[in-house]
Amino acid sequence: MSQRIKKCDAFALKVTEYSNTSQIIQFFSKEFGHIGVIAKGTRNPKNKYYGLIQQLGNYEIVIYKKDTTLSLLKEISLINDHNRLTSDLNMTTLAHAAAELYLQLMFEKDDHEKFYILLNQFYEYLPKVRKNHILVFWRFLLRVAGFLGFSLQFSKCQVCGIQNSELFHGISFVHNGFICSNCAGKRAATEHFQINESTRKLLLTLKSLHNLESFEITEQDIKTINTIFRTYLSHHLHKKIHFRSLEVL
């Protein structure tokens, strides 16, 4: 195999129509991380790969790899189409949100495999849950933050160390976790995001996800915690992170 011809396992994070017969795919691979690939002729009904390449699918691909332009797809075979994710609107939305996040991240070379495994685990686990899929997504975001080096801590106030969860006032973006009402009062309001009791209890469940189907989650809870994660990731990555996929929830 030529040095420029590479085989790898990859998720199709985004699939875009190109010209009348081709597709451009943004893959995330175990071996190389992000790869932009052009698949020539795959929209032609006579092509052997017609209809095969779908967003969220997991594939084994053989590409002619280029470093500065789109790589060229030579061969592709399906590992898992994750079609169960499309059986429910919430699951579909959250699966696309995970792909959307990965498209906004830059990964160290040594981290490609663990982020690939994390995404695969999320896609595999999500359909096994009957309700409250959003809790699984938030747990996924926690693990992403941890892998990136700024894990959120929920065991105590991250300033004074107090462990009484009833005193937790908000999430500190500066100190990476809960902050109590006493410590929050001594700091600028822009350093933390104030939370209510319902939000606090939901965040505490993310440490283990036990009995996740027993919780009643309101639309306001979802909006609040989505905002917390989006703001937290934006703060540490020094750029605005968006989850446009979640706007339908």
Protein backbone atom coordinates (compact mmCIF):
# COMPACT_ATOMS: atom_id res chain seq x y z
CA MET A 1 0.00 0.00 0.00
CA SER A 2 1.37 3.42 -0.96
CA GLN A 3 2.51 5.72 1.84
CA ARG A 4 -0.28 8.11 0.87
CA ILE A 5 -2.97 5.41 0.81
CA LYS A 6 -4.34 4.95 4.32
CA LYS A 7 -6.94 2.63 5.84
CA CYS A 8 -8.77 3.67 9.00
CA ASP A 9 -12.03 3.45 10.95
CA ALA A 10 -14.00 6.68 10.98
CA PHE A 11 -17.30 8.34 11.82
CA ALA A 12 -19.04 10.49 9.22
CA LEU A 13 -19.63 13.69 11.19
CA LYS A 14 -20.95 15.68 8.25
CA VAL A 15 -21.95 14.75 4.70
CA THR A 16 -22.40 17.44 2.04
CA GLU A 17 -23.54 17.08 -1.56
CA TYR A 18 -20.90 18.17 -4.05
CA SER A 19 -21.51 18.73 -7.74
CA ASN A 20 -24.13 16.50 -9.34
CA THR A 21 -22.62 13.16 -8.38
CA SER A 22 -20.20 13.50 -5.46
CA GLN A 23 -20.07 14.04 -1.71
CA ILE A 24 -17.72 15.76 0.71
CA ILE A 25 -17.47 14.03 4.08
CA GLN A 26 -15.94 15.29 7.29
CA PHE A 27 -14.73 12.14 9.00
CA PHE A 28 -13.35 11.67 12.47
CA SER A 29 -11.00 8.72 12.50
CA LYS A 30 -9.33 6.64 15.18
CA GLU A 31 -5.94 6.96 13.53
CA PHE A 32 -5.84 10.50 12.09
CA GLY A 33 -8.56 12.52 13.79
CA HIS A 34 -10.34 14.91 11.44
CA ILE A 35 -10.16 14.06 7.73
CA GLY A 36 -11.94 15.92 4.95
CA VAL A 37 -12.68 13.50 2.09
CA ILE A 38 -14.22 13.84 -1.35
CA ALA A 39 -16.17 10.80 -2.53
CA LYS A 40 -16.42 11.09 -6.29
CA GLY A 41 -19.47 9.65 -7.98
CA THR A 42 -21.15 8.33 -4.84
CA ARG A 43 -24.40 10.18 -5.62
CA ASN A 44 -24.64 8.41 -8.98
CA PRO A 45 -27.15 5.53 -8.75
CA LYS A 46 -24.79 3.36 -10.77
CA ASN A 47 -21.96 3.81 -8.24
CA LYS A 48 -21.37 0.81 -5.94
CA TYR A 49 -21.31 3.15 -2.94
CA TYR A 50 -24.54 4.94 -3.83
CA GLY A 51 -26.62 5.59 -0.68
CA LEU A 52 -24.00 4.07 1.63
CA ILE A 53 -22.48 7.18 3.17
CA GLN A 54 -24.74 8.71 5.80
CA GLN A 55 -24.07 11.11 8.64
CA LEU A 56 -23.39 9.36 11.99
CA GLY A 57 -22.34 6.17 10.24
CA ASN A 58 -19.20 4.33 11.27
CA TYR A 59 -17.04 3.12 8.36
CA GLU A 60 -13.79 1.52 7.39
CA ILE A 61 -12.33 3.76 4.73
CA VAL A 62 -9.37 3.62 2.38
CA ILE A 63 -8.27 7.05 1.23
CA TYR A 64 -5.56 8.72 -0.76
CA LYS A 65 -4.54 11.03 2.09
CA LYS A 66 -3.60 14.62 1.44
CA ASP A 67 -2.44 17.05 4.12
CA THR A 68 -3.52 20.41 2.70
CA THR A 69 -6.56 19.54 0.54
CA LEU A 70 -9.39 17.04 0.62
CA SER A 71 -8.33 13.43 0.66
CA LEU A 72 -9.76 11.14 -2.01
CA LEU A 73 -11.99 8.19 -1.10
CA LYS A 74 -10.87 4.96 -2.72
CA GLU A 75 -12.89 2.32 -0.81
CA ILE A 76 -15.48 2.33 1.98
CA SER A 77 -17.34 -0.36 3.92
CA LEU A 78 -19.95 -0.01 6.64
CA ILE A 79 -19.11 -0.95 10.23
CA ASN A 80 -22.31 0.36 11.85
CA ASP A 81 -24.93 2.72 10.45
CA HIS A 82 -26.31 3.44 13.95
CA ASN A 83 -29.80 3.47 12.45
CA ARG A 84 -31.35 2.99 15.91
CA LEU A 85 -30.34 6.58 16.65
CA THR A 86 -32.84 7.79 14.05
CA SER A 87 -35.81 5.97 15.63
CA ASP A 88 -36.39 8.79 18.12
CA LEU A 89 -36.16 12.55 17.55
CA ASN A 90 -34.37 13.22 20.83
CA MET A 91 -31.75 10.55 20.13
CA THR A 92 -31.22 11.83 16.60
CA THR A 93 -30.82 15.39 17.86
CA LEU A 94 -28.32 14.45 20.55
CA ALA A 95 -26.31 12.23 18.19
CA HIS A 96 -26.03 15.14 15.74
CA ALA A 97 -25.09 17.49 18.59
CA ALA A 98 -22.18 15.20 19.52
CA ALA A 99 -20.99 15.22 15.91
CA GLU A 100 -21.43 19.00 15.81
CA LEU A 101 -19.23 19.38 18.89
CA TYR A 102 -16.47 17.19 17.46
CA LEU A 103 -16.44 19.33 14.30
CA GLN A 104 -15.61 22.35 16.47
CA LEU A 105 -12.78 20.70 18.42
CA MET A 106 -9.11 20.30 17.67
CA PHE A 107 -7.51 17.14 19.01
CA GLU A 108 -3.95 16.23 19.90
CA LYS A 109 -2.58 13.37 17.81
CA ASP A 110 -2.27 11.10 20.83
CA ASP A 111 -5.93 11.71 21.74
CA HIS A 112 -7.57 10.58 18.48
CA GLU A 113 -8.23 7.02 19.58
CA LYS A 114 -9.77 7.83 22.97
CA PHE A 115 -12.10 10.45 21.49
CA TYR A 116 -13.08 7.99 18.75
CA ILE A 117 -13.87 5.35 21.40
CA LEU A 118 -15.81 7.90 23.47
CA LEU A 119 -18.03 8.84 20.52
CA ASN A 120 -18.61 5.18 19.69
CA GLN A 121 -19.58 4.43 23.29
CA PHE A 122 -22.03 7.34 23.29
CA TYR A 123 -23.69 6.20 20.06
CA GLU A 124 -23.87 2.62 21.30
CA TYR A 125 -25.31 3.46 24.72
CA LEU A 126 -27.86 6.10 23.73
CA PRO A 127 -30.42 3.69 22.17
CA LYS A 128 -30.29 1.47 25.25
CA VAL A 129 -31.98 4.17 27.33
CA ARG A 130 -35.77 4.49 27.21
CA LYS A 131 -36.07 8.11 28.42
CA ASN A 132 -33.99 11.06 29.59
CA HIS A 133 -31.47 10.64 26.79
CA ILE A 134 -30.29 14.17 27.55
CA LEU A 135 -28.63 12.90 30.76
CA VAL A 136 -26.49 10.56 28.68
CA PHE A 137 -25.52 13.49 26.44
CA TRP A 138 -24.54 15.64 29.42
CA ARG A 139 -22.47 12.77 30.78
CA PHE A 140 -20.78 12.58 27.36
CA LEU A 141 -20.00 16.31 27.56
CA LEU A 142 -18.49 15.82 31.01
CA ARG A 143 -16.17 13.17 29.64
CA VAL A 144 -15.22 15.35 26.66
CA ALA A 145 -14.30 18.17 29.05
CA GLY A 146 -12.29 15.75 31.18
CA PHE A 147 -10.38 14.41 28.18
CA LEU A 148 -9.62 17.98 27.12
CA GLY A 149 -8.11 18.70 30.53
CA PHE A 150 -10.75 20.79 32.31
CA SER A 151 -13.03 18.30 34.02
CA LEU A 152 -16.05 19.63 35.94
CA GLN A 153 -16.01 18.62 39.62
CA PHE A 154 -19.28 18.14 41.50
CA SER A 155 -18.17 16.72 44.87
CA LYS A 156 -17.54 20.00 46.74
CA CYS A 157 -17.25 23.76 46.44
CA GLN A 158 -14.15 24.21 44.32
CA VAL A 159 -13.10 27.32 46.26
CA CYS A 160 -13.49 26.49 49.98
CA GLY A 161 -13.99 22.72 49.81
CA ILE A 162 -17.34 22.54 51.60
CA GLN A 163 -19.20 19.35 50.66
CA ASN A 164 -22.78 20.28 51.65
CA SER A 165 -24.49 20.19 48.27
CA GLU A 166 -27.45 22.19 49.57
CA LEU A 167 -25.13 25.21 49.80
CA PHE A 168 -23.97 24.96 46.18
CA HIS A 169 -24.96 28.22 44.50
CA GLY A 170 -23.70 27.83 40.97
CA ILE A 171 -21.10 26.50 38.55
CA SER A 172 -17.78 28.32 38.53
CA PHE A 173 -16.17 28.45 35.09
CA VAL A 174 -12.91 29.64 36.65
CA HIS A 175 -12.70 26.91 39.31
CA ASN A 176 -14.26 24.10 37.23
CA GLY A 177 -17.20 23.03 39.35
CA PHE A 178 -19.68 23.91 42.06
CA ILE A 179 -19.23 27.09 44.06
CA CYS A 180 -21.08 27.68 47.33
CA SER A 181 -23.19 30.75 48.06
CA ASN A 182 -20.59 32.18 50.46
CA CYS A 183 -17.73 31.97 47.95
CA ALA A 184 -19.90 33.15 45.07
CA GLY A 185 -20.77 36.31 47.00
CA LYS A 186 -17.09 37.23 47.17
CA ARG A 187 -16.51 36.94 43.44
CA ALA A 188 -17.64 38.61 40.24
CA ALA A 189 -21.00 37.36 39.00
CA THR A 190 -19.46 36.75 35.55
CA GLU A 191 -17.22 34.02 37.01
CA HIS A 192 -20.08 31.61 37.65
CA PHE A 193 -23.52 30.54 36.47
CA GLN A 194 -26.20 30.58 39.17
CA ILE A 195 -28.33 27.42 39.41
CA ASN A 196 -31.54 26.39 41.16
CA GLU A 197 -32.19 23.26 43.22
CA SER A 198 -33.53 21.25 40.28
CA THR A 199 -30.45 21.97 38.16
CA ARG A 200 -28.15 21.17 41.08
CA LYS A 201 -29.75 17.76 41.63
CA LEU A 202 -29.53 16.89 37.93
CA LEU A 203 -25.85 17.83 37.76
CA LEU A 204 -25.12 15.69 40.80
CA THR A 205 -26.66 12.66 39.06
CA LEU A 206 -24.17 12.92 36.20
CA LYS A 207 -21.42 11.44 38.36
CA SER A 208 -22.94 7.98 38.11
CA LEU A 209 -26.16 8.06 36.00
CA HIS A 210 -27.89 5.61 38.36
CA ASN A 211 -31.67 5.43 37.85
CA LEU A 212 -31.48 8.04 35.13
CA GLU A 213 -34.93 7.11 33.80
CA SER A 214 -36.58 8.01 37.12
CA PHE A 215 -35.96 11.75 36.81
CA GLU A 216 -38.50 14.30 35.62
CA ILE A 217 -36.64 16.91 33.60
CA THR A 218 -38.27 20.19 32.62
CA GLU A 219 -37.64 22.18 29.45
CA GLN A 220 -36.11 24.91 31.61
CA ASP A 221 -33.69 22.38 33.16
CA ILE A 222 -32.60 21.32 29.68
CA LYS A 223 -32.07 24.90 28.50
CA THR A 224 -30.16 25.81 31.66
CA ILE A 225 -27.78 22.84 31.65
CA ASN A 226 -27.20 23.06 27.90
CA THR A 227 -26.24 26.71 28.43
CA ILE A 228 -23.91 25.77 31.29
CA PHE A 229 -22.03 23.23 29.16
CA ARG A 230 -21.91 25.48 26.11
CA THR A 231 -20.59 28.41 28.16
CA TYR A 232 -18.14 26.23 30.08
CA LEU A 233 -16.65 24.73 26.92
CA SER A 234 -16.50 28.16 25.26
CA HIS A 235 -14.69 29.62 28.29
CA HIS A 236 -11.96 26.98 28.32
CA LEU A 237 -11.56 26.64 24.55
CA HIS A 238 -11.44 30.43 24.09
CA LYS A 239 -13.99 30.37 21.29
CA LYS A 240 -17.76 30.28 21.00
CA ILE A 241 -19.09 26.72 21.00
CA HIS A 242 -22.56 26.21 19.54
CA PHE A 243 -25.10 23.39 19.59
CA ARG A 244 -27.49 24.35 16.82
CA SER A 245 -28.74 20.76 16.72
CA LEU A 246 -30.22 21.21 20.20
CA GLU A 247 -32.48 24.10 19.21
CA VAL A 248 -35.29 21.64 18.40
CA LEU A 249 -35.39 20.30 21.97
